[in-house]
Amino acid sequence: MDDSCDPASVHRFYEKVVLEYSCGDVRRLLEGRTRALGPLLACVGAGVDTVGGMVFGFTTGSRARSVCFMKEFMNVDCTIAEAIYDCVRCGYMHEGIGKLTFGWFADYLRVTPGQLLFRRGDGGLVLSVVELALKYVDAVEALWQCDKARLVHLPEENPKTVKRIADVAEMCLPDLEKFREDHRKWVDEVVGSSSAEDIVNGINYWQAD
């Protein structure tokens, strides 16, 4: 375990960032039967990366920790996990589309529960996004309930990013409190970028890589 990663801090992070933010977003998208499958994949891909890092360490590299998490905790075949990371996670999050002949679809009726991949007639592959998302949520919840001792790492702040934020904060930007005062008639309807967290609560984001 890293010296700075005491169990209480790791568990607070997991509860807030993974269970509330990440899984909360995934659940909302599933409950709404979203047709925007890229954002759903992005939530799952980012969550797998984060939880993989909390178990296997953030120095292992995004690919290694994500594949290890899918294999060990989501019960995904290693070859399939590698393909999902390379063609889907990196495809959407890096290029906005699946790489090569790798696509995805959503079966909210769950006609074939547990089945992640299907082969297309042209030899390409298609991922069932709903099944992947449910596997992710189940794995995260099971890890918290049954194996939280495996959660031993926290992502570290990057000094360059910390400085960059400080530099930007010194620029001439609108003041959040003034924004809130000027628009108080409707500002309570504005939510932050993390699962219904209020924009004035001062969330600290972590950088994994």
Protein backbone atom coordinates (compact mmCIF):
# COMPACT_ATOMS: atom_id res chain seq x y z
CA MET A 1 0.00 0.00 0.00
CA ASP A 2 1.20 3.52 -0.69
CA ASP A 3 2.12 5.34 2.53
CA SER A 4 -0.31 8.17 1.76
CA CYS A 5 -3.22 5.87 1.00
CA ASP A 6 -4.74 5.08 4.36
CA PRO A 7 -7.83 2.85 4.16
CA ALA A 8 -10.22 5.55 5.38
CA SER A 9 -9.17 7.95 2.61
CA VAL A 10 -9.36 5.24 -0.04
CA HIS A 11 -12.81 4.17 1.12
CA ARG A 12 -14.13 7.76 1.18
CA PHE A 13 -12.88 8.23 -2.37
CA TYR A 14 -14.47 4.96 -3.49
CA GLU A 15 -17.82 5.81 -1.93
CA LYS A 16 -17.96 9.31 -3.42
CA VAL A 17 -16.24 8.97 -6.80
CA VAL A 18 -16.92 5.35 -7.77
CA LEU A 19 -20.20 4.40 -6.10
CA GLU A 20 -21.92 7.78 -6.21
CA TYR A 21 -20.50 9.55 -9.27
CA SER A 22 -19.46 6.80 -11.65
CA CYS A 23 -22.05 4.13 -10.88
CA GLY A 24 -24.66 6.82 -10.34
CA ASP A 25 -24.13 8.14 -13.86
CA VAL A 26 -24.19 4.64 -15.34
CA ARG A 27 -27.43 3.79 -13.52
CA ARG A 28 -29.11 6.99 -14.67
CA LEU A 29 -28.16 6.33 -18.27
CA LEU A 30 -29.39 2.73 -18.06
CA GLU A 31 -32.63 3.68 -16.33
CA GLY A 32 -33.28 6.29 -19.02
CA ARG A 33 -32.48 3.75 -21.74
CA THR A 34 -30.14 6.25 -23.32
CA ARG A 35 -29.59 6.11 -27.05
CA ALA A 36 -26.30 8.00 -26.56
CA LEU A 37 -24.18 4.89 -26.17
CA GLY A 38 -20.81 6.64 -26.46
CA PRO A 39 -21.26 8.57 -23.19
CA LEU A 40 -22.42 5.36 -21.47
CA LEU A 41 -19.28 3.61 -22.70
CA ALA A 42 -17.16 6.54 -21.57
CA CYS A 43 -18.60 6.30 -18.03
CA VAL A 44 -17.89 2.59 -17.88
CA GLY A 45 -14.43 2.89 -19.43
CA ALA A 46 -13.37 5.66 -17.07
CA GLY A 47 -14.77 3.77 -14.10
CA VAL A 48 -12.96 0.56 -14.99
CA ASP A 49 -9.74 2.55 -15.30
CA THR A 50 -10.21 4.20 -11.90
CA VAL A 51 -11.23 1.11 -9.94
CA GLY A 52 -8.52 -0.91 -11.66
CA GLY A 53 -6.02 1.66 -10.45
CA MET A 54 -7.36 1.55 -6.91
CA VAL A 55 -6.76 -2.21 -6.84
CA PHE A 56 -3.69 -2.72 -9.02
CA GLY A 57 -2.04 0.70 -8.72
CA PHE A 58 -1.95 3.73 -10.96
CA THR A 59 1.63 3.17 -12.08
CA THR A 60 0.68 0.03 -14.02
CA GLY A 61 -0.73 1.98 -16.97
CA SER A 62 -4.34 2.46 -17.98
CA ARG A 63 -4.50 -0.54 -20.30
CA ALA A 64 -2.98 -3.02 -17.84
CA ARG A 65 -5.12 -2.02 -14.88
CA SER A 66 -8.32 -1.84 -16.94
CA VAL A 67 -7.82 -5.27 -18.49
CA CYS A 68 -6.91 -6.78 -15.12
CA PHE A 69 -10.06 -5.34 -13.55
CA MET A 70 -12.32 -6.59 -16.34
CA LYS A 71 -10.74 -10.03 -16.20
CA GLU A 72 -10.66 -10.53 -12.43
CA PHE A 73 -13.70 -8.62 -11.19
CA MET A 74 -16.05 -8.46 -14.18
CA ASN A 75 -15.30 -12.04 -15.26
CA VAL A 76 -14.46 -11.01 -18.83
CA ASP A 77 -12.17 -13.25 -20.88
CA CYS A 78 -8.72 -11.66 -21.11
CA THR A 79 -8.67 -11.55 -24.92
CA ILE A 80 -12.12 -9.95 -24.97
CA ALA A 81 -11.12 -7.47 -22.26
CA GLU A 82 -8.07 -6.43 -24.29
CA ALA A 83 -10.21 -5.96 -27.40
CA ILE A 84 -12.76 -3.88 -25.47
CA TYR A 85 -10.03 -1.64 -24.11
CA ASP A 86 -8.16 -1.23 -27.39
CA CYS A 87 -11.09 -0.89 -29.78
CA VAL A 88 -13.96 0.45 -27.67
CA ARG A 89 -12.58 2.34 -24.69
CA CYS A 90 -9.71 3.94 -26.62
CA GLY A 91 -11.83 4.10 -29.75
CA TYR A 92 -14.62 6.22 -28.29
CA MET A 93 -12.62 8.13 -25.68
CA HIS A 94 -9.75 8.91 -28.06
CA GLU A 95 -11.33 9.00 -31.49
CA GLY A 96 -15.09 9.30 -30.95
CA ILE A 97 -15.87 6.00 -32.68
CA GLY A 98 -15.04 2.32 -32.36
CA LYS A 99 -11.73 1.35 -33.91
CA LEU A 100 -11.52 -0.98 -36.88
CA THR A 101 -14.71 -3.06 -37.32
CA PHE A 102 -15.72 -2.92 -33.67
CA GLY A 103 -19.11 -1.37 -32.89
CA TRP A 104 -21.74 -1.47 -30.17
CA PHE A 105 -25.46 -1.63 -29.54
CA ALA A 106 -27.86 -1.56 -26.58
CA ASP A 107 -30.31 -4.33 -25.72
CA TYR A 108 -32.32 -2.92 -22.83
CA LEU A 109 -34.65 -5.94 -22.89
CA ARG A 110 -31.61 -8.15 -22.15
CA VAL A 111 -32.60 -10.90 -24.54
CA THR A 112 -29.20 -12.58 -24.02
CA PRO A 113 -28.12 -11.63 -20.48
CA GLY A 114 -24.40 -11.88 -19.86
CA GLN A 115 -23.43 -12.05 -23.54
CA LEU A 116 -20.99 -9.25 -24.32
CA LEU A 117 -19.90 -9.78 -27.92
CA PHE A 118 -21.54 -10.75 -31.18
CA ARG A 119 -19.93 -11.41 -34.58
CA ARG A 120 -21.16 -9.45 -37.57
CA GLY A 121 -21.58 -10.94 -41.02
CA ASP A 122 -18.57 -8.98 -42.28
CA GLY A 123 -16.32 -10.44 -39.61
CA GLY A 124 -16.53 -7.40 -37.34
CA LEU A 125 -17.55 -7.43 -33.69
CA VAL A 126 -20.38 -5.72 -31.82
CA LEU A 127 -20.46 -5.11 -28.08
CA SER A 128 -23.62 -5.20 -25.98
CA VAL A 129 -23.14 -1.98 -24.02
CA VAL A 130 -25.91 -2.70 -21.52
CA GLU A 131 -24.33 -6.01 -20.50
CA LEU A 132 -20.90 -4.40 -20.10
CA ALA A 133 -22.36 -1.58 -18.00
CA LEU A 134 -24.23 -3.98 -15.74
CA LYS A 135 -21.13 -6.12 -15.29
CA TYR A 136 -19.23 -2.99 -14.26
CA VAL A 137 -21.82 -1.88 -11.70
CA ASP A 138 -22.13 -5.41 -10.26
CA ALA A 139 -18.34 -5.73 -9.96
CA VAL A 140 -17.98 -2.36 -8.26
CA GLU A 141 -20.71 -3.15 -5.74
CA ALA A 142 -19.37 -6.66 -5.05
CA LEU A 143 -15.86 -5.30 -4.52
CA TRP A 144 -17.18 -2.80 -1.99
CA GLN A 145 -19.31 -5.32 -0.14
CA CYS A 146 -17.00 -8.32 -0.10
CA ASP A 147 -13.41 -7.36 -0.89
CA LYS A 148 -12.79 -3.71 0.03
CA ALA A 149 -9.40 -4.64 1.50
CA ARG A 150 -8.23 -4.85 -2.14
CA LEU A 151 -8.74 -1.08 -2.48
CA VAL A 152 -5.34 0.29 -1.51
CA HIS A 153 -4.37 2.99 -4.04
CA LEU A 154 -5.43 6.54 -4.79
CA PRO A 155 -4.59 8.51 -7.93
CA GLU A 156 -2.01 11.21 -7.32
CA GLU A 157 -2.25 14.82 -8.33
CA ASN A 158 0.02 15.80 -11.18
CA PRO A 159 2.08 18.87 -10.17
CA LYS A 160 1.92 20.25 -13.71
CA THR A 161 -1.87 20.04 -13.68
CA VAL A 162 -2.06 21.67 -10.24
CA LYS A 163 0.03 24.58 -11.53
CA ARG A 164 -2.03 24.84 -14.70
CA ILE A 165 -5.24 25.12 -12.69
CA ALA A 166 -3.67 27.77 -10.48
CA ASP A 167 -2.53 29.72 -13.55
CA VAL A 168 -5.99 29.60 -15.10
CA ALA A 169 -7.64 30.57 -11.80
CA GLU A 170 -5.60 33.78 -11.83
CA MET A 171 -7.03 34.76 -15.20
CA CYS A 172 -9.98 37.13 -15.51
CA LEU A 173 -12.81 34.64 -15.07
CA PRO A 174 -16.40 35.16 -13.91
CA ASP A 175 -16.79 34.67 -10.17
CA LEU A 176 -18.97 31.70 -9.20
CA GLU A 177 -20.55 33.45 -6.22
CA LYS A 178 -21.48 36.45 -8.36
CA PHE A 179 -22.93 34.09 -10.95
CA ARG A 180 -25.01 32.50 -8.25
CA GLU A 181 -26.19 35.85 -6.89
CA ASP A 182 -27.06 37.28 -10.30
CA HIS A 183 -28.99 34.18 -11.35
CA ARG A 184 -30.36 32.89 -8.06
CA LYS A 185 -33.86 32.50 -9.52
CA TRP A 186 -32.77 29.46 -11.50
CA VAL A 187 -29.25 28.55 -10.37
CA ASP A 188 -30.54 25.84 -8.03
CA GLU A 189 -31.48 23.90 -11.16
CA VAL A 190 -27.85 23.89 -12.34
CA VAL A 191 -25.90 20.78 -11.41
CA GLY A 192 -22.21 20.03 -11.60
CA SER A 193 -20.50 17.56 -13.88
CA SER A 194 -20.50 14.78 -11.29
CA SER A 195 -23.80 13.07 -10.72
CA ALA A 196 -26.07 15.79 -9.35
CA GLU A 197 -23.34 17.31 -7.20
CA ASP A 198 -24.02 21.01 -6.70
CA ILE A 199 -21.62 23.26 -8.59
CA VAL A 200 -20.64 25.25 -5.50
CA ASN A 201 -19.47 22.30 -3.40
CA GLY A 202 -15.83 22.50 -4.45
CA ILE A 203 -15.21 19.03 -5.83
CA ASN A 204 -11.58 17.99 -6.13
CA TYR A 205 -10.83 15.90 -9.19
CA TRP A 206 -7.95 13.45 -9.32
CA GLN A 207 -5.65 12.71 -12.20
CA ALA A 208 -4.77 9.07 -12.70
CA ASP A 209 -2.19 9.37 -15.50
